[in-house]
Amino acid sequence: FLDDSCMEYFKEMFLRLFPAQAVSIQRDEETGGPGYIVKVGDD
């Protein structure tokens, strides 16, 4: 789940969903366990 290819997959998917907006994705290191935090604008 934390592999780089999995992260690239999530990036590609969100860019497809929100093509005209800035997409930010990073690994979640605050709460522990495997995860990602994805942000798109304020919504």
Full PDB file with SEQRES, HELIX, SHEET, SSBOND, CRYST1, ORIGX, SCALE, CONECT and MASTER records, all heavy atoms in Angstrom:
SEQRES   1 A   43  PHE LEU ASP ASP SER CYS MET GLU TYR PHE LYS GLU MET          
SEQRES   2 A   43  PHE LEU ARG LEU PHE PRO ALA GLN ALA VAL SER ILE GLN          
SEQRES   3 A   43  ARG ASP GLU GLU THR GLY GLY PRO GLY TYR ILE VAL LYS          
SEQRES   4 A   43  VAL GLY ASP ASP                                              
HELIX    1 AA1 ASP A    4  LEU A   17  1                                  14    
SHEET    1 AA1 2 VAL A  23  ARG A  27  0                                        
SHEET    2 AA1 2 TYR A  36  VAL A  40 -1                                        
CRYST1    1.000    1.000    1.000  90.00  90.00  90.00 P 1           1          
ORIGX1      1.000000  0.000000  0.000000        0.00000                         
ORIGX2      0.000000  1.000000  0.000000        0.00000                         
ORIGX3      0.000000  0.000000  1.000000        0.00000                         
SCALE1      1.000000  0.000000  0.000000        0.00000                         
SCALE2      0.000000  1.000000  0.000000        0.00000                         
SCALE3      0.000000  0.000000  1.000000        0.00000                         
ATOM      1  N   PHE A   1       0.829  -1.207   0.000  1.00  0.00           N  
ATOM      2  CA  PHE A   1       0.000   0.000   0.000  1.00  0.00           C  
ATOM      3  C   PHE A   1       0.864   1.257   0.000  1.00  0.00           C  
ATOM      4  O   PHE A   1       0.475   2.281  -0.554  1.00  0.00           O  
ATOM      5  CB  PHE A   1      -0.915  -0.016   1.227  1.00  0.00           C  
ATOM      6  CG  PHE A   1      -1.994   1.030   1.186  1.00  0.00           C  
ATOM      7  CD1 PHE A   1      -3.095   0.867   0.347  1.00  0.00           C  
ATOM      8  CD2 PHE A   1      -1.926   2.159   1.973  1.00  0.00           C  
ATOM      9  CE1 PHE A   1      -4.103   1.827   0.306  1.00  0.00           C  
ATOM     10  CE2 PHE A   1      -2.930   3.118   1.937  1.00  0.00           C  
ATOM     11  CZ  PHE A   1      -4.023   2.949   1.105  1.00  0.00           C  
ATOM     12  N   LEU A   2       2.032   1.199   0.626  1.00  0.00           N  
ATOM     13  CA  LEU A   2       2.925   2.360   0.702  1.00  0.00           C  
ATOM     14  C   LEU A   2       3.947   2.385  -0.428  1.00  0.00           C  
ATOM     15  O   LEU A   2       4.796   3.265  -0.470  1.00  0.00           O  
ATOM     16  CB  LEU A   2       3.642   2.378   2.053  1.00  0.00           C  
ATOM     17  CG  LEU A   2       2.739   2.655   3.270  1.00  0.00           C  
ATOM     18  CD1 LEU A   2       3.530   2.515   4.551  1.00  0.00           C  
ATOM     19  CD2 LEU A   2       2.108   4.046   3.177  1.00  0.00           C  
ATOM     20  N   ASP A   3       3.868   1.440  -1.351  1.00  0.00           N  
ATOM     21  CA  ASP A   3       4.807   1.383  -2.464  1.00  0.00           C  
ATOM     22  C   ASP A   3       4.656   2.613  -3.354  1.00  0.00           C  
ATOM     23  O   ASP A   3       3.566   3.185  -3.485  1.00  0.00           O  
ATOM     24  CB  ASP A   3       4.557   0.118  -3.289  1.00  0.00           C  
ATOM     25  CG  ASP A   3       5.613  -0.085  -4.360  1.00  0.00           C  
ATOM     26  OD1 ASP A   3       6.719  -0.514  -4.020  1.00  0.00           O  
ATOM     27  OD2 ASP A   3       5.306   0.212  -5.533  1.00  0.00           O  
ATOM     28  N   ASP A   4       5.748   3.026  -3.992  1.00  0.00           N  
ATOM     29  CA  ASP A   4       5.707   4.216  -4.854  1.00  0.00           C  
ATOM     30  C   ASP A   4       4.700   4.061  -5.984  1.00  0.00           C  
ATOM     31  O   ASP A   4       4.034   5.025  -6.376  1.00  0.00           O  
ATOM     32  CB  ASP A   4       7.098   4.490  -5.441  1.00  0.00           C  
ATOM     33  CG  ASP A   4       8.070   5.024  -4.394  1.00  0.00           C  
ATOM     34  OD1 ASP A   4       7.595   5.493  -3.350  1.00  0.00           O  
ATOM     35  OD2 ASP A   4       9.291   4.958  -4.633  1.00  0.00           O  
ATOM     36  N   SER A   5       4.554   2.852  -6.527  1.00  0.00           N  
ATOM     37  CA  SER A   5       3.615   2.647  -7.624  1.00  0.00           C  
ATOM     38  C   SER A   5       2.180   2.863  -7.167  1.00  0.00           C  
ATOM     39  O   SER A   5       1.342   3.353  -7.916  1.00  0.00           O  
ATOM     40  CB  SER A   5       3.775   1.236  -8.196  1.00  0.00           C  
ATOM     41  OG  SER A   5       3.483   0.257  -7.215  1.00  0.00           O  
ATOM     42  N   CYS A   6       1.884   2.489  -5.927  1.00  0.00           N  
ATOM     43  CA  CYS A   6       0.544   2.702  -5.376  1.00  0.00           C  
ATOM     44  C   CYS A   6       0.294   4.203  -5.203  1.00  0.00           C  
ATOM     45  O   CYS A   6      -0.796   4.703  -5.510  1.00  0.00           O  
ATOM     46  CB  CYS A   6       0.401   1.990  -4.039  1.00  0.00           C  
ATOM     47  SG  CYS A   6      -1.289   1.957  -3.409  1.00  0.00           S  
ATOM     48  N   MET A   7       1.299   4.925  -4.753  1.00  0.00           N  
ATOM     49  CA  MET A   7       1.154   6.365  -4.594  1.00  0.00           C  
ATOM     50  C   MET A   7       0.943   7.040  -5.942  1.00  0.00           C  
ATOM     51  O   MET A   7       0.119   7.949  -6.088  1.00  0.00           O  
ATOM     52  CB  MET A   7       2.391   6.941  -3.899  1.00  0.00           C  
ATOM     53  CG  MET A   7       2.251   8.414  -3.516  1.00  0.00           C  
ATOM     54  SD  MET A   7       3.612   8.950  -2.464  1.00  0.00           S  
ATOM     55  CE  MET A   7       3.065  10.606  -2.032  1.00  0.00           C  
ATOM     56  N   GLU A   8       1.680   6.592  -6.962  1.00  0.00           N  
ATOM     57  CA  GLU A   8       1.508   7.150  -8.300  1.00  0.00           C  
ATOM     58  C   GLU A   8       0.101   6.865  -8.835  1.00  0.00           C  
ATOM     59  O   GLU A   8      -0.496   7.678  -9.532  1.00  0.00           O  
ATOM     60  CB  GLU A   8       2.559   6.567  -9.248  1.00  0.00           C  
ATOM     61  CG  GLU A   8       3.960   7.086  -9.017  1.00  0.00           C  
ATOM     62  CD  GLU A   8       4.040   8.607  -9.187  1.00  0.00           C  
ATOM     63  OE1 GLU A   8       3.434   9.139 -10.138  1.00  0.00           O  
ATOM     64  OE2 GLU A   8       4.688   9.254  -8.345  1.00  0.00           O  
ATOM     65  N   TYR A   9      -0.418   5.690  -8.491  1.00  0.00           N  
ATOM     66  CA  TYR A   9      -1.772   5.336  -8.922  1.00  0.00           C  
ATOM     67  C   TYR A   9      -2.785   6.311  -8.337  1.00  0.00           C  
ATOM     68  O   TYR A   9      -3.665   6.811  -9.031  1.00  0.00           O  
ATOM     69  CB  TYR A   9      -2.113   3.913  -8.494  1.00  0.00           C  
ATOM     70  CG  TYR A   9      -3.576   3.619  -8.542  1.00  0.00           C  
ATOM     71  CD1 TYR A   9      -4.226   3.389  -9.755  1.00  0.00           C  
ATOM     72  CD2 TYR A   9      -4.351   3.606  -7.385  1.00  0.00           C  
ATOM     73  CE1 TYR A   9      -5.575   3.144  -9.807  1.00  0.00           C  
ATOM     74  CE2 TYR A   9      -5.702   3.359  -7.427  1.00  0.00           C  
ATOM     75  CZ  TYR A   9      -6.307   3.128  -8.639  1.00  0.00           C  
ATOM     76  OH  TYR A   9      -7.648   2.898  -8.689  1.00  0.00           O  
ATOM     77  N   PHE A  10      -2.672   6.597  -7.027  1.00  0.00           N  
ATOM     78  CA  PHE A  10      -3.606   7.537  -6.405  1.00  0.00           C  
ATOM     79  C   PHE A  10      -3.469   8.924  -7.008  1.00  0.00           C  
ATOM     80  O   PHE A  10      -4.456   9.629  -7.219  1.00  0.00           O  
ATOM     81  CB  PHE A  10      -3.372   7.583  -4.897  1.00  0.00           C  
ATOM     82  CG  PHE A  10      -3.950   6.407  -4.160  1.00  0.00           C  
ATOM     83  CD1 PHE A  10      -3.156   5.616  -3.350  1.00  0.00           C  
ATOM     84  CD2 PHE A  10      -5.289   6.081  -4.277  1.00  0.00           C  
ATOM     85  CE1 PHE A  10      -3.683   4.527  -2.684  1.00  0.00           C  
ATOM     86  CE2 PHE A  10      -5.830   4.995  -3.606  1.00  0.00           C  
ATOM     87  CZ  PHE A  10      -5.020   4.218  -2.807  1.00  0.00           C  
ATOM     88  N   LYS A  11      -2.236   9.335  -7.296  1.00  0.00           N  
ATOM     89  CA  LYS A  11      -2.036  10.646  -7.933  1.00  0.00           C  
ATOM     90  C   LYS A  11      -2.761  10.707  -9.271  1.00  0.00           C  
ATOM     91  O   LYS A  11      -3.481  11.668  -9.574  1.00  0.00           O  
ATOM     92  CB  LYS A  11      -0.533  10.907  -8.148  1.00  0.00           C  
ATOM     93  CG  LYS A  11       0.229  11.324  -6.910  1.00  0.00           C  
ATOM     94  CD  LYS A  11       1.682  11.616  -7.277  1.00  0.00           C  
ATOM     95  CE  LYS A  11       2.489  12.026  -6.063  1.00  0.00           C  
ATOM     96  NZ  LYS A  11       3.922  12.279  -6.416  1.00  0.00           N  
ATOM     97  N   GLU A  12      -2.558   9.678 -10.083  1.00  0.00           N  
ATOM     98  CA  GLU A  12      -3.178   9.641 -11.412  1.00  0.00           C  
ATOM     99  C   GLU A  12      -4.700   9.666 -11.309  1.00  0.00           C  
ATOM    100  O   GLU A  12      -5.382  10.348 -12.062  1.00  0.00           O  
ATOM    101  CB  GLU A  12      -2.720   8.377 -12.147  1.00  0.00           C  
ATOM    102  CG  GLU A  12      -3.318   8.233 -13.547  1.00  0.00           C  
ATOM    103  CD  GLU A  12      -2.913   6.929 -14.203  1.00  0.00           C  
ATOM    104  OE1 GLU A  12      -1.924   6.324 -13.749  1.00  0.00           O  
ATOM    105  OE2 GLU A  12      -3.587   6.517 -15.168  1.00  0.00           O  
ATOM    106  N   MET A  13      -5.228   8.918 -10.339  1.00  0.00           N  
ATOM    107  CA  MET A  13      -6.677   8.840 -10.198  1.00  0.00           C  
ATOM    108  C   MET A  13      -7.272  10.187  -9.811  1.00  0.00           C  
ATOM    109  O   MET A  13      -8.278  10.633 -10.371  1.00  0.00           O  
ATOM    110  CB  MET A  13      -7.050   7.793  -9.160  1.00  0.00           C  
ATOM    111  CG  MET A  13      -8.526   7.419  -9.176  1.00  0.00           C  
ATOM    112  SD  MET A  13      -9.091   6.722  -7.622  1.00  0.00           S  
ATOM    113  CE  MET A  13      -9.192   8.208  -6.623  1.00  0.00           C  
ATOM    114  N   PHE A  14      -6.662  10.876  -8.855  1.00  0.00           N  
ATOM    115  CA  PHE A  14      -7.200  12.162  -8.413  1.00  0.00           C  
ATOM    116  C   PHE A  14      -7.004  13.249  -9.460  1.00  0.00           C  
ATOM    117  O   PHE A  14      -7.829  14.156  -9.587  1.00  0.00           O  
ATOM    118  CB  PHE A  14      -6.578  12.560  -7.074  1.00  0.00           C  
ATOM    119  CG  PHE A  14      -7.243  11.919  -5.894  1.00  0.00           C  
ATOM    120  CD1 PHE A  14      -6.750  10.746  -5.359  1.00  0.00           C  
ATOM    121  CD2 PHE A  14      -8.392  12.466  -5.340  1.00  0.00           C  
ATOM    122  CE1 PHE A  14      -7.377  10.130  -4.288  1.00  0.00           C  
ATOM    123  CE2 PHE A  14      -9.027  11.862  -4.260  1.00  0.00           C  
ATOM    124  CZ  PHE A  14      -8.516  10.687  -3.740  1.00  0.00           C  
ATOM    125  N   LEU A  15      -5.923  13.196 -10.219  1.00  0.00           N  
ATOM    126  CA  LEU A  15      -5.748  14.155 -11.312  1.00  0.00           C  
ATOM    127  C   LEU A  15      -6.808  13.957 -12.384  1.00  0.00           C  
ATOM    128  O   LEU A  15      -7.249  14.906 -13.027  1.00  0.00           O  
ATOM    129  CB  LEU A  15      -4.345  14.000 -11.916  1.00  0.00           C  
ATOM    130  CG  LEU A  15      -3.193  14.533 -11.054  1.00  0.00           C  
ATOM    131  CD1 LEU A  15      -1.853  14.132 -11.657  1.00  0.00           C  
ATOM    132  CD2 LEU A  15      -3.287  16.053 -10.919  1.00  0.00           C  
ATOM    133  N   ARG A  16      -7.238  12.684 -12.567  1.00  0.00           N  
ATOM    134  CA  ARG A  16      -8.304  12.393 -13.508  1.00  0.00           C  
ATOM    135  C   ARG A  16      -9.646  12.919 -12.991  1.00  0.00           C  
ATOM    136  O   ARG A  16     -10.459  13.436 -13.735  1.00  0.00           O  
ATOM    137  CB  ARG A  16      -8.383  10.875 -13.724  1.00  0.00           C  
ATOM    138  CG  ARG A  16      -8.314  10.470 -15.170  1.00  0.00           C  
ATOM    139  CD  ARG A  16      -8.291   8.977 -15.407  1.00  0.00           C  
ATOM    140  NE  ARG A  16      -8.815   8.109 -14.403  1.00  0.00           N  
ATOM    141  CZ  ARG A  16      -8.088   7.239 -13.726  1.00  0.00           C  
ATOM    142  NH1 ARG A  16      -6.800   7.144 -13.928  1.00  0.00           N  
ATOM    143  NH2 ARG A  16      -8.637   6.446 -12.840  1.00  0.00           N  
ATOM    144  N   LEU A  17      -9.864  12.778 -11.681  1.00  0.00           N  
ATOM    145  CA  LEU A  17     -11.118  13.233 -11.088  1.00  0.00           C  
ATOM    146  C   LEU A  17     -11.217  14.746 -11.035  1.00  0.00           C  
ATOM    147  O   LEU A  17     -12.300  15.313 -11.188  1.00  0.00           O  
ATOM    148  CB  LEU A  17     -11.252  12.669  -9.668  1.00  0.00           C  
ATOM    149  CG  LEU A  17     -11.706  11.221  -9.517  1.00  0.00           C  
ATOM    150  CD1 LEU A  17     -11.653  10.807  -8.056  1.00  0.00           C  
ATOM    151  CD2 LEU A  17     -13.113  11.027 -10.057  1.00  0.00           C  
ATOM    152  N   PHE A  18     -10.078  15.409 -10.800  1.00  0.00           N  
ATOM    153  CA  PHE A  18     -10.057  16.868 -10.655  1.00  0.00           C  
ATOM    154  C   PHE A  18      -9.007  17.453 -11.592  1.00  0.00           C  
ATOM    155  O   PHE A  18      -7.961  17.951 -11.162  1.00  0.00           O  
ATOM    156  CB  PHE A  18      -9.752  17.244  -9.202  1.00  0.00           C  
ATOM    157  CG  PHE A  18     -10.677  16.615  -8.198  1.00  0.00           C  
ATOM    158  CD1 PHE A  18     -10.303  15.473  -7.507  1.00  0.00           C  
ATOM    159  CD2 PHE A  18     -11.932  17.159  -7.951  1.00  0.00           C  
ATOM    160  CE1 PHE A  18     -11.148  14.880  -6.585  1.00  0.00           C  
ATOM    161  CE2 PHE A  18     -12.788  16.578  -7.030  1.00  0.00           C  
ATOM    162  CZ  PHE A  18     -12.407  15.439  -6.343  1.00  0.00           C  
ATOM    163  N   PRO A  19      -9.267  17.419 -12.911  1.00  0.00           N  
ATOM    164  CA  PRO A  19      -8.235  17.804 -13.887  1.00  0.00           C  
ATOM    165  C   PRO A  19      -7.844  19.279 -13.837  1.00  0.00           C  
ATOM    166  O   PRO A  19      -6.744  19.637 -14.237  1.00  0.00           O  
ATOM    167  CB  PRO A  19      -8.896  17.461 -15.233  1.00  0.00           C  
ATOM    168  CG  PRO A  19     -10.364  17.478 -14.961  1.00  0.00           C  
ATOM    169  CD  PRO A  19     -10.523  16.995 -13.554  1.00  0.00           C  
ATOM    170  N   ALA A  20      -8.711  20.137 -13.341  1.00  0.00           N  
ATOM    171  CA  ALA A  20      -8.424  21.579 -13.379  1.00  0.00           C  
ATOM    172  C   ALA A  20      -7.994  22.115 -12.021  1.00  0.00           C  
ATOM    173  O   ALA A  20      -7.928  23.329 -11.828  1.00  0.00           O  
ATOM    174  CB  ALA A  20      -9.656  22.336 -13.872  1.00  0.00           C  
ATOM    175  N   GLN A  21      -7.704  21.233 -11.070  1.00  0.00           N  
ATOM    176  CA  GLN A  21      -7.369  21.685  -9.721  1.00  0.00           C  
ATOM    177  C   GLN A  21      -6.028  21.102  -9.281  1.00  0.00           C  
ATOM    178  O   GLN A  21      -5.548  20.110  -9.820  1.00  0.00           O  
ATOM    179  CB  GLN A  21      -8.465  21.274  -8.735  1.00  0.00           C  
ATOM    180  CG  GLN A  21      -9.846  21.828  -9.084  1.00  0.00           C  
ATOM    181  CD  GLN A  21     -10.874  21.469  -8.047  1.00  0.00           C  
ATOM    182  OE1 GLN A  21     -10.672  21.679  -6.860  1.00  0.00           O  
ATOM    183  NE2 GLN A  21     -12.000  20.925  -8.491  1.00  0.00           N  
ATOM    184  N   ALA A  22      -5.457  21.754  -8.281  1.00  0.00           N  
ATOM    185  CA  ALA A  22      -4.181  21.287  -7.732  1.00  0.00           C  
ATOM    186  C   ALA A  22      -4.433  20.149  -6.760  1.00  0.00           C  
ATOM    187  O   ALA A  22      -5.234  20.271  -5.829  1.00  0.00           O  
ATOM    188  CB  ALA A  22      -3.472  22.440  -7.031  1.00  0.00           C  
ATOM    189  N   VAL A  23      -3.758  19.040  -6.984  1.00  0.00           N  
ATOM    190  CA  VAL A  23      -3.913  17.852  -6.143  1.00  0.00           C  
ATOM    191  C   VAL A  23      -2.652  17.660  -5.314  1.00  0.00           C  
ATOM    192  O   VAL A  23      -1.539  17.655  -5.849  1.00  0.00           O  
ATOM    193  CB  VAL A  23      -4.185  16.598  -6.998  1.00  0.00           C  
ATOM    194  CG1 VAL A  23      -4.236  15.353  -6.109  1.00  0.00           C  
ATOM    195  CG2 VAL A  23      -5.479  16.748  -7.775  1.00  0.00           C  
ATOM    196  N   SER A  24      -2.824  17.517  -4.001  1.00  0.00           N  
ATOM    197  CA  SER A  24      -1.699  17.254  -3.098  1.00  0.00           C  
ATOM    198  C   SER A  24      -1.901  15.898  -2.449  1.00  0.00           C  
ATOM    199  O   SER A  24      -2.976  15.603  -1.918  1.00  0.00           O  
ATOM    200  CB  SER A  24      -1.630  18.340  -2.017  1.00  0.00           C  
ATOM    201  OG  SER A  24      -0.750  17.956  -0.970  1.00  0.00           O  
ATOM    202  N   ILE A  25      -0.882  15.039  -2.486  1.00  0.00           N  
ATOM    203  CA  ILE A  25      -0.974  13.724  -1.860  1.00  0.00           C  
ATOM    204  C   ILE A  25       0.341  13.422  -1.154  1.00  0.00           C  
ATOM    205  O   ILE A  25       1.414  13.663  -1.702  1.00  0.00           O  
ATOM    206  CB  ILE A  25      -1.303  12.622  -2.894  1.00  0.00           C  
ATOM    207  CG1 ILE A  25      -1.388  11.250  -2.221  1.00  0.00           C  
ATOM    208  CG2 ILE A  25      -0.307  12.599  -4.030  1.00  0.00           C  
ATOM    209  CD1 ILE A  25      -1.956  10.170  -3.117  1.00  0.00           C  
ATOM    210  N   GLN A  26       0.242  12.956   0.083  1.00  0.00           N  
ATOM    211  CA  GLN A  26       1.438  12.618   0.845  1.00  0.00           C  
ATOM    212  C   GLN A  26       1.121  11.452   1.778  1.00  0.00           C  
ATOM    213  O   GLN A  26      -0.038  11.192   2.105  1.00  0.00           O  
ATOM    214  CB  GLN A  26       1.918  13.814   1.667  1.00  0.00           C  
ATOM    215  CG  GLN A  26       0.900  14.283   2.712  1.00  0.00           C  
ATOM    216  CD  GLN A  26       1.355  15.552   3.420  1.00  0.00           C  
ATOM    217  OE1 GLN A  26       1.911  16.439   2.783  1.00  0.00           O  
ATOM    218  NE2 GLN A  26       1.127  15.614   4.712  1.00  0.00           N  
ATOM    219  N   ARG A  27       2.154  10.749   2.175  1.00  0.00           N  
ATOM    220  CA  ARG A  27       1.962   9.647   3.106  1.00  0.00           C  
ATOM    221  C   ARG A  27       1.573  10.191   4.474  1.00  0.00           C  
ATOM    222  O   ARG A  27       2.059  11.227   4.906  1.00  0.00           O  
ATOM    223  CB  ARG A  27       3.217   8.803   3.182  1.00  0.00           C  
ATOM    224  CG  ARG A  27       3.490   8.015   1.913  1.00  0.00           C  
ATOM    225  CD  ARG A  27       4.697   7.096   2.080  1.00  0.00           C  
ATOM    226  NE  ARG A  27       4.893   6.260   0.893  1.00  0.00           N  
ATOM    227  CZ  ARG A  27       5.596   6.623  -0.160  1.00  0.00           C  
ATOM    228  NH1 ARG A  27       6.179   7.821  -0.174  1.00  0.00           N  
ATOM    229  NH2 ARG A  27       5.722   5.825  -1.198  1.00  0.00           N  
ATOM    230  N   ASP A  28       0.675   9.480   5.142  1.00  0.00           N  
ATOM    231  CA  ASP A  28       0.204   9.893   6.463  1.00  0.00           C  
ATOM    232  C   ASP A  28       1.179   9.378   7.513  1.00  0.00           C  
ATOM    233  O   ASP A  28       1.244   8.185   7.780  1.00  0.00           O  
ATOM    234  CB  ASP A  28      -1.200   9.337   6.700  1.00  0.00           C  
ATOM    235  CG  ASP A  28      -1.727   9.708   8.078  1.00  0.00           C  
ATOM    236  OD1 ASP A  28      -1.166  10.643   8.693  1.00  0.00           O  
ATOM    237  OD2 ASP A  28      -2.690   9.070   8.539  1.00  0.00           O  
ATOM    238  N   GLU A  29       1.919  10.281   8.115  1.00  0.00           N  
ATOM    239  CA  GLU A  29       2.897   9.894   9.127  1.00  0.00           C  
ATOM    240  C   GLU A  29       2.503  10.389  10.513  1.00  0.00           C  
ATOM    241  O   GLU A  29       3.263  10.282  11.466  1.00  0.00           O  
ATOM    242  CB  GLU A  29       4.276  10.444   8.753  1.00  0.00           C  
ATOM    243  CG  GLU A  29       4.797   9.919   7.413  1.00  0.00           C  
ATOM    244  CD  GLU A  29       6.125  10.529   7.027  1.00  0.00           C  
ATOM    245  OE1 GLU A  29       6.554  11.472   7.726  1.00  0.00           O  
ATOM    246  OE2 GLU A  29       6.732  10.079   6.029  1.00  0.00           O  
ATOM    247  N   GLU A  30       1.291  10.964  10.627  1.00  0.00           N  
ATOM    248  CA  GLU A  30       0.873  11.553  11.900  1.00  0.00           C  
ATOM    249  C   GLU A  30       0.178  10.544  12.792  1.00  0.00           C  
ATOM    250  O   GLU A  30       0.424  10.480  13.993  1.00  0.00           O  
ATOM    251  CB  GLU A  30      -0.061  12.745  11.635  1.00  0.00           C  
ATOM    252  CG  GLU A  30       0.603  13.862  10.834  1.00  0.00           C  
ATOM    253  CD  GLU A  30      -0.380  14.974  10.516  1.00  0.00           C  
ATOM    254  OE1 GLU A  30      -1.545  14.854  10.948  1.00  0.00           O  
ATOM    255  OE2 GLU A  30       0.011  15.953   9.861  1.00  0.00           O  
ATOM    256  N   THR A  31      -0.719   9.740  12.231  1.00  0.00           N  
ATOM    257  CA  THR A  31      -1.542   8.841  13.046  1.00  0.00           C  
ATOM    258  C   THR A  31      -1.024   7.418  13.054  1.00  0.00           C  
ATOM    259  O   THR A  31      -1.592   6.563  13.720  1.00  0.00           O  
ATOM    260  CB  THR A  31      -2.986   8.853  12.513  1.00  0.00           C  
ATOM    261  OG1 THR A  31      -2.981   8.461  11.133  1.00  0.00           O  
ATOM    262  CG2 THR A  31      -3.583  10.233  12.625  1.00  0.00           C  
ATOM    263  N   GLY A  32       0.034   7.138  12.318  1.00  0.00           N  
ATOM    264  CA  GLY A  32       0.587   5.798  12.290  1.00  0.00           C  
ATOM    265  C   GLY A  32      -0.170   4.888  11.352  1.00  0.00           C  
ATOM    266  O   GLY A  32      -1.311   5.136  11.007  1.00  0.00           O  
ATOM    267  N   GLY A  33       0.476   3.792  10.932  1.00  0.00           N  
ATOM    268  CA  GLY A  33      -0.159   2.870  10.007  1.00  0.00           C  
ATOM    269  C   GLY A  33      -0.063   3.368   8.585  1.00  0.00           C  
ATOM    270  O   GLY A  33       0.204   4.544   8.329  1.00  0.00           O  
ATOM    271  N   PRO A  34      -0.272   2.463   7.610  1.00  0.00           N  
ATOM    272  CA  PRO A  34      -0.170   2.866   6.204  1.00  0.00           C  
ATOM    273  C   PRO A  34      -1.344   3.739   5.793  1.00  0.00           C  
ATOM    274  O   PRO A  34      -2.497   3.434   6.102  1.00  0.00           O  
ATOM    275  CB  PRO A  34      -0.199   1.523   5.462  1.00  0.00           C  
ATOM    276  CG  PRO A  34      -0.998   0.623   6.357  1.00  0.00           C  
ATOM    277  CD  PRO A  34      -0.662   1.050   7.750  1.00  0.00           C  
ATOM    278  N   GLY A  35      -1.060   4.829   5.110  1.00  0.00           N  
ATOM    279  CA  GLY A  35      -2.135   5.694   4.657  1.00  0.00           C  
ATOM    280  C   GLY A  35      -1.620   6.879   3.870  1.00  0.00           C  
ATOM    281  O   GLY A  35      -0.407   7.138   3.817  1.00  0.00           O  
ATOM    282  N   TYR A  36      -2.567   7.582   3.245  1.00  0.00           N  
ATOM    283  CA  TYR A  36      -2.259   8.773   2.466  1.00  0.00           C  
ATOM    284  C   TYR A  36      -3.218   9.880   2.860  1.00  0.00           C  
ATOM    285  O   TYR A  36      -4.383   9.619   3.206  1.00  0.00           O  
ATOM    286  CB  TYR A  36      -2.391   8.509   0.968  1.00  0.00           C  
ATOM    287  CG  TYR A  36      -1.436   7.470   0.425  1.00  0.00           C  
ATOM    288  CD1 TYR A  36      -1.818   6.136   0.315  1.00  0.00           C  
ATOM    289  CD2 TYR A  36      -0.147   7.823   0.028  1.00  0.00           C  
ATOM    290  CE1 TYR A  36      -0.945   5.179  -0.172  1.00  0.00           C  
ATOM    291  CE2 TYR A  36       0.729   6.869  -0.466  1.00  0.00           C  
ATOM    292  CZ  TYR A  36       0.326   5.553  -0.563  1.00  0.00           C  
ATOM    293  OH  TYR A  36       1.194   4.611  -1.051  1.00  0.00           O  
ATOM    294  N   ILE A  37      -2.740  11.104   2.807  1.00  0.00           N  
ATOM    295  CA  ILE A  37      -3.604  12.271   2.974  1.00  0.00           C  
ATOM    296  C   ILE A  37      -3.689  12.966   1.622  1.00  0.00           C  
ATOM    297  O   ILE A  37      -2.671  13.348   1.041  1.00  0.00           O  
ATOM    298  CB  ILE A  37      -3.059  13.241   4.036  1.00  0.00           C  
ATOM    299  CG1 ILE A  37      -3.043  12.557   5.409  1.00  0.00           C  
ATOM    300  CG2 ILE A  37      -3.908  14.505   4.089  1.00  0.00           C  
ATOM    301  CD1 ILE A  37      -2.436  13.409   6.503  1.00  0.00           C  
ATOM    302  N   VAL A  38      -4.900  13.096   1.108  1.00  0.00           N  
ATOM    303  CA  VAL A  38      -5.130  13.688  -0.207  1.00  0.00           C  
ATOM    304  C   VAL A  38      -5.918  14.971  -0.036  1.00  0.00           C  
ATOM    305  O   VAL A  38      -6.967  14.990   0.625  1.00  0.00           O  
ATOM    306  CB  VAL A  38      -5.910  12.714  -1.121  1.00  0.00           C  
ATOM    307  CG1 VAL A  38      -6.072  13.324  -2.502  1.00  0.00           C  
ATOM    308  CG2 VAL A  38      -5.192  11.374  -1.209  1.00  0.00           C  
ATOM    309  N   LYS A  39      -5.421  16.055  -0.647  1.00  0.00           N  
ATOM    310  CA  LYS A  39      -6.107  17.344  -0.583  1.00  0.00           C  
ATOM    311  C   LYS A  39      -6.335  17.865  -1.993  1.00  0.00           C  
ATOM    312  O   LYS A  39      -5.442  17.826  -2.838  1.00  0.00           O  
ATOM    313  CB  LYS A  39      -5.287  18.361   0.207  1.00  0.00           C  
ATOM    314  CG  LYS A  39      -5.045  17.996   1.666  1.00  0.00           C  
ATOM    315  CD  LYS A  39      -4.203  19.059   2.362  1.00  0.00           C  
ATOM    316  CE  LYS A  39      -3.906  18.665   3.804  1.00  0.00           C  
ATOM    317  NZ  LYS A  39      -3.048  19.679   4.481  1.00  0.00           N  
ATOM    318  N   VAL A  40      -7.540  18.370  -2.228  1.00  0.00           N  
ATOM    319  CA  VAL A  40      -7.876  19.026  -3.491  1.00  0.00           C  
ATOM    320  C   VAL A  40      -8.652  20.288  -3.146  1.00  0.00           C  
ATOM    321  O   VAL A  40      -9.835  20.232  -2.774  1.00  0.00           O  
ATOM    322  CB  VAL A  40      -8.722  18.128  -4.414  1.00  0.00           C  
ATOM    323  CG1 VAL A  40      -8.950  18.828  -5.751  1.00  0.00           C  
ATOM    324  CG2 VAL A  40      -8.064  16.775  -4.628  1.00  0.00           C  
ATOM    325  N   GLY A  41      -7.997  21.448  -3.236  1.00  0.00           N  
ATOM    326  CA  GLY A  41      -8.649  22.697  -2.882  1.00  0.00           C  
ATOM    327  C   GLY A  41      -9.129  22.683  -1.444  1.00  0.00           C  
ATOM    328  O   GLY A  41      -8.522  22.088  -0.552  1.00  0.00           O  
ATOM    329  N   ASP A  42     -10.269  23.355  -1.209  1.00  0.00           N  
ATOM    330  CA  ASP A  42     -10.836  23.409   0.140  1.00  0.00           C  
ATOM    331  C   ASP A  42     -11.947  22.391   0.345  1.00  0.00           C  
ATOM    332  O   ASP A  42     -12.474  22.257   1.453  1.00  0.00           O  
ATOM    333  CB  ASP A  42     -11.408  24.818   0.405  1.00  0.00           C  
ATOM    334  CG  ASP A  42     -10.326  25.886   0.372  1.00  0.00           C  
ATOM    335  OD1 ASP A  42      -9.180  25.579   0.778  1.00  0.00           O  
ATOM    336  OD2 ASP A  42     -10.624  27.022  -0.049  1.00  0.00           O  
ATOM    337  N   ASP A  43     -12.324  21.670  -0.715  1.00  0.00           N  
ATOM    338  CA  ASP A  43     -13.482  20.783  -0.631  1.00  0.00           C  
ATOM    339  C   ASP A  43     -13.130  19.337  -0.336  1.00  0.00           C  
ATOM    340  O   ASP A  43     -13.991  18.564   0.084  1.00  0.00           O  
ATOM    341  CB  ASP A  43     -14.278  20.828  -1.947  1.00  0.00           C  
ATOM    342  CG  ASP A  43     -14.942  22.172  -2.165  1.00  0.00           C  
ATOM    343  OD1 ASP A  43     -15.238  22.839  -1.158  1.00  0.00           O  
ATOM    344  OD2 ASP A  43     -15.158  22.539  -3.333  1.00  0.00           O  
TER     345      ASP A  43                                                      
MASTER        0    0    0    1    2    0    0    6  344    1    0    4          
END                                                                             
